[in-house]
């Protein structure tokens, strides 16, 4: 995606229950500038969830003004191309996801491991194994 593309998202962090309430309030406003919303997390290593509000950059100020009226003090703007870069094979978010994502290992692979990785679940079905994927 080209860097001049103005599509992206406003990110608001907080407790999941607070973000659900905020999202519901935002949806009641029926702002045509909001293309979509979603709540992610919380997921390790982070303690907060995140509300993603997708829009074009020129519309972000209108949405931000509404968020401030709803009591939001801080937000982050992130372009779509920045998110894509973060999820590329060596991207920052991809690395974090790989580091903290629970792993599944089949009994066959388990017997060949010298040391059991942390955050592991043993599965009988080798097609679910993250190591051999048979």
C-alpha atoms as a PDB file:
ATOM      1  CA  UNK A   1       0.000   0.000   0.000  1.00  0.00           C
ATOM      2  CA  UNK A   2       1.335   3.418  -0.886  1.00  0.00           C
ATOM      3  CA  UNK A   3       2.312   5.766   1.926  1.00  0.00           C
ATOM      4  CA  UNK A   4       0.036   8.498   0.552  1.00  0.00           C
ATOM      5  CA  UNK A   5      -3.055   6.364   1.227  1.00  0.00           C
ATOM      6  CA  UNK A   6      -5.035   8.092   3.970  1.00  0.00           C
ATOM      7  CA  UNK A   7      -6.933   5.047   5.261  1.00  0.00           C
ATOM      8  CA  UNK A   8      -6.141   3.925   8.785  1.00  0.00           C
ATOM      9  CA  UNK A   9      -7.522   3.697  12.284  1.00  0.00           C
ATOM     10  CA  UNK A  10      -7.782   5.490  15.557  1.00  0.00           C
ATOM     11  CA  UNK A  11      -6.660   3.281  18.441  1.00  0.00           C
ATOM     12  CA  UNK A  12      -8.055   3.741  21.936  1.00  0.00           C
ATOM     13  CA  UNK A  13      -6.686   1.522  24.712  1.00  0.00           C
ATOM     14  CA  UNK A  14      -8.396   0.531  27.954  1.00  0.00           C
ATOM     15  CA  UNK A  15     -10.356  -2.115  29.798  1.00  0.00           C
ATOM     16  CA  UNK A  16     -12.477  -4.246  27.488  1.00  0.00           C
ATOM     17  CA  UNK A  17     -15.753  -3.438  29.253  1.00  0.00           C
ATOM     18  CA  UNK A  18     -15.045   0.308  28.987  1.00  0.00           C
ATOM     19  CA  UNK A  19     -14.224  -0.015  25.297  1.00  0.00           C
ATOM     20  CA  UNK A  20     -17.414  -1.973  24.595  1.00  0.00           C
ATOM     21  CA  UNK A  21     -19.423   0.848  26.212  1.00  0.00           C
ATOM     22  CA  UNK A  22     -17.431   3.449  24.257  1.00  0.00           C
ATOM     23  CA  UNK A  23     -17.990   1.582  20.982  1.00  0.00           C
ATOM     24  CA  UNK A  24     -21.739   1.381  21.675  1.00  0.00           C
ATOM     25  CA  UNK A  25     -21.890   5.127  22.384  1.00  0.00           C
ATOM     26  CA  UNK A  26     -19.916   5.841  19.239  1.00  0.00           C
ATOM     27  CA  UNK A  27     -22.249   3.668  17.143  1.00  0.00           C
ATOM     28  CA  UNK A  28     -25.274   5.530  18.548  1.00  0.00           C
ATOM     29  CA  UNK A  29     -23.797   8.746  17.161  1.00  0.00           C
ATOM     30  CA  UNK A  30     -24.040   7.224  13.659  1.00  0.00           C
ATOM     31  CA  UNK A  31     -20.998   9.090  12.432  1.00  0.00           C
ATOM     32  CA  UNK A  32     -20.773   8.607   8.675  1.00  0.00           C
ATOM     33  CA  UNK A  33     -17.001   9.114   8.991  1.00  0.00           C
ATOM     34  CA  UNK A  34     -16.627   5.776  10.833  1.00  0.00           C
ATOM     35  CA  UNK A  35     -16.197   2.942   8.332  1.00  0.00           C
ATOM     36  CA  UNK A  36     -16.076   0.160  10.932  1.00  0.00           C
ATOM     37  CA  UNK A  37     -14.972  -0.649  14.470  1.00  0.00           C
ATOM     38  CA  UNK A  38     -13.634  -3.648  16.348  1.00  0.00           C
ATOM     39  CA  UNK A  39     -12.273  -4.490  19.784  1.00  0.00           C
ATOM     40  CA  UNK A  40      -9.204  -6.694  20.149  1.00  0.00           C
ATOM     41  CA  UNK A  41      -7.670  -8.263  23.220  1.00  0.00           C
ATOM     42  CA  UNK A  42      -6.393  -7.936  25.723  1.00  0.00           C
ATOM     43  CA  UNK A  43      -3.685 -10.346  24.679  1.00  0.00           C
ATOM     44  CA  UNK A  44      -0.194 -10.880  26.074  1.00  0.00           C
ATOM     45  CA  UNK A  45       2.014  -9.041  26.704  1.00  0.00           C
ATOM     46  CA  UNK A  46      -0.542  -6.217  26.903  1.00  0.00           C
ATOM     47  CA  UNK A  47      -3.015  -5.753  29.758  1.00  0.00           C
ATOM     48  CA  UNK A  48      -5.348  -3.428  27.864  1.00  0.00           C
ATOM     49  CA  UNK A  49      -7.736  -4.129  25.025  1.00  0.00           C
ATOM     50  CA  UNK A  50      -7.874  -1.822  22.012  1.00  0.00           C
ATOM     51  CA  UNK A  51     -10.789  -0.255  20.178  1.00  0.00           C
ATOM     52  CA  UNK A  52      -9.965   0.176  16.485  1.00  0.00           C
ATOM     53  CA  UNK A  53     -12.002   2.824  14.677  1.00  0.00           C
ATOM     54  CA  UNK A  54     -11.416   2.588  10.926  1.00  0.00           C
ATOM     55  CA  UNK A  55     -11.696   5.729   8.830  1.00  0.00           C
ATOM     56  CA  UNK A  56      -9.889   8.027   6.415  1.00  0.00           C
ATOM     57  CA  UNK A  57      -7.407  10.436   7.971  1.00  0.00           C
ATOM     58  CA  UNK A  58      -9.356  13.595   7.036  1.00  0.00           C
ATOM     59  CA  UNK A  59     -12.300  12.209   9.062  1.00  0.00           C
ATOM     60  CA  UNK A  60     -10.214  11.319  12.117  1.00  0.00           C
ATOM     61  CA  UNK A  61     -10.557  14.799  13.627  1.00  0.00           C
ATOM     62  CA  UNK A  62     -14.372  14.617  13.556  1.00  0.00           C
ATOM     63  CA  UNK A  63     -14.291  11.206  15.233  1.00  0.00           C
ATOM     64  CA  UNK A  64     -11.677  12.378  17.743  1.00  0.00           C
ATOM     65  CA  UNK A  65     -13.897  15.316  18.748  1.00  0.00           C
ATOM     66  CA  UNK A  66     -16.736  12.858  19.430  1.00  0.00           C
ATOM     67  CA  UNK A  67     -14.426  10.582  21.419  1.00  0.00           C
ATOM     68  CA  UNK A  68     -13.304  13.523  23.550  1.00  0.00           C
ATOM     69  CA  UNK A  69     -16.948  14.345  24.304  1.00  0.00           C
ATOM     70  CA  UNK A  70     -17.304  10.742  25.470  1.00  0.00           C
ATOM     71  CA  UNK A  71     -14.384  11.218  27.885  1.00  0.00           C
ATOM     72  CA  UNK A  72     -11.479   9.753  25.894  1.00  0.00           C
ATOM     73  CA  UNK A  73      -8.195  11.490  26.734  1.00  0.00           C
ATOM     74  CA  UNK A  74      -5.705   9.733  24.429  1.00  0.00           C
ATOM     75  CA  UNK A  75      -5.703   8.016  21.070  1.00  0.00           C
ATOM     76  CA  UNK A  76      -3.227   6.917  18.428  1.00  0.00           C
ATOM     77  CA  UNK A  77      -3.602   7.284  14.660  1.00  0.00           C
ATOM     78  CA  UNK A  78      -2.167   4.457  12.563  1.00  0.00           C
ATOM     79  CA  UNK A  79      -2.153   4.244   8.774  1.00  0.00           C
ATOM     80  CA  UNK A  80      -3.189   1.013   7.080  1.00  0.00           C
ATOM     81  CA  UNK A  81       0.234   0.650   5.466  1.00  0.00           C
ATOM     82  CA  UNK A  82       1.845   0.839   8.938  1.00  0.00           C
ATOM     83  CA  UNK A  83      -0.343  -2.026  10.146  1.00  0.00           C
ATOM     84  CA  UNK A  84       0.533  -4.076   7.059  1.00  0.00           C
ATOM     85  CA  UNK A  85       4.229  -3.484   7.684  1.00  0.00           C
ATOM     86  CA  UNK A  86       3.879  -4.505  11.352  1.00  0.00           C
ATOM     87  CA  UNK A  87       2.358  -7.866  10.265  1.00  0.00           C
ATOM     88  CA  UNK A  88       4.967  -8.690   7.610  1.00  0.00           C
ATOM     89  CA  UNK A  89       7.192 -11.713   8.406  1.00  0.00           C
ATOM     90  CA  UNK A  90       9.752  -9.632  10.344  1.00  0.00           C
ATOM     91  CA  UNK A  91       7.259  -7.002  11.513  1.00  0.00           C
ATOM     92  CA  UNK A  92       6.908  -5.864  15.115  1.00  0.00           C
ATOM     93  CA  UNK A  93       3.382  -7.195  15.716  1.00  0.00           C
ATOM     94  CA  UNK A  94       4.078 -10.456  13.899  1.00  0.00           C
ATOM     95  CA  UNK A  95       7.088 -11.091  16.161  1.00  0.00           C
ATOM     96  CA  UNK A  96       5.068 -10.320  19.301  1.00  0.00           C
ATOM     97  CA  UNK A  97       2.242 -12.573  18.167  1.00  0.00           C
ATOM     98  CA  UNK A  98       4.660 -15.422  17.499  1.00  0.00           C
ATOM     99  CA  UNK A  99       6.316 -14.927  20.876  1.00  0.00           C
ATOM    100  CA  UNK A 100       3.124 -14.949  22.957  1.00  0.00           C
ATOM    101  CA  UNK A 101       0.726 -17.072  20.914  1.00  0.00           C
ATOM    102  CA  UNK A 102      -0.093 -20.398  22.582  1.00  0.00           C
ATOM    103  CA  UNK A 103       1.576 -23.276  20.763  1.00  0.00           C
ATOM    104  CA  UNK A 104       0.172 -26.719  20.080  1.00  0.00           C
ATOM    105  CA  UNK A 105       2.411 -29.757  19.910  1.00  0.00           C
ATOM    106  CA  UNK A 106       1.499 -33.339  19.051  1.00  0.00           C
ATOM    107  CA  UNK A 107       2.742 -36.257  21.145  1.00  0.00           C
ATOM    108  CA  UNK A 108       5.066 -37.327  18.330  1.00  0.00           C
ATOM    109  CA  UNK A 109       6.905 -33.975  18.257  1.00  0.00           C
ATOM    110  CA  UNK A 110       6.832 -33.758  22.037  1.00  0.00           C
ATOM    111  CA  UNK A 111       8.949 -36.899  22.346  1.00  0.00           C
ATOM    112  CA  UNK A 112      11.651 -35.373  20.121  1.00  0.00           C
ATOM    113  CA  UNK A 113      11.948 -32.111  22.097  1.00  0.00           C
ATOM    114  CA  UNK A 114      14.774 -31.708  24.588  1.00  0.00           C
ATOM    115  CA  UNK A 115      13.085 -28.824  26.338  1.00  0.00           C
ATOM    116  CA  UNK A 116       9.365 -28.098  26.432  1.00  0.00           C
ATOM    117  CA  UNK A 117       8.591 -24.564  25.181  1.00  0.00           C
ATOM    118  CA  UNK A 118       6.473 -22.356  27.412  1.00  0.00           C
ATOM    119  CA  UNK A 119       2.818 -21.652  26.653  1.00  0.00           C
ATOM    120  CA  UNK A 120       2.279 -25.099  25.092  1.00  0.00           C
ATOM    121  CA  UNK A 121      -0.768 -27.335  24.699  1.00  0.00           C
ATOM    122  CA  UNK A 122      -0.369 -31.025  23.896  1.00  0.00           C
ATOM    123  CA  UNK A 123      -2.714 -32.248  21.146  1.00  0.00           C
ATOM    124  CA  UNK A 124      -3.412 -35.772  19.891  1.00  0.00           C
ATOM    125  CA  UNK A 125      -4.257 -34.672  16.340  1.00  0.00           C
ATOM    126  CA  UNK A 126      -0.967 -33.962  14.528  1.00  0.00           C
ATOM    127  CA  UNK A 127      -2.767 -31.803  11.941  1.00  0.00           C
ATOM    128  CA  UNK A 128      -3.182 -29.233  14.731  1.00  0.00           C
ATOM    129  CA  UNK A 129       0.504 -29.296  15.646  1.00  0.00           C
ATOM    130  CA  UNK A 130       2.376 -26.007  15.140  1.00  0.00           C
ATOM    131  CA  UNK A 131       5.656 -27.887  14.785  1.00  0.00           C
ATOM    132  CA  UNK A 132       5.021 -30.639  12.268  1.00  0.00           C
ATOM    133  CA  UNK A 133       1.570 -29.740  10.874  1.00  0.00           C
ATOM    134  CA  UNK A 134       0.968 -33.168   9.336  1.00  0.00           C
END
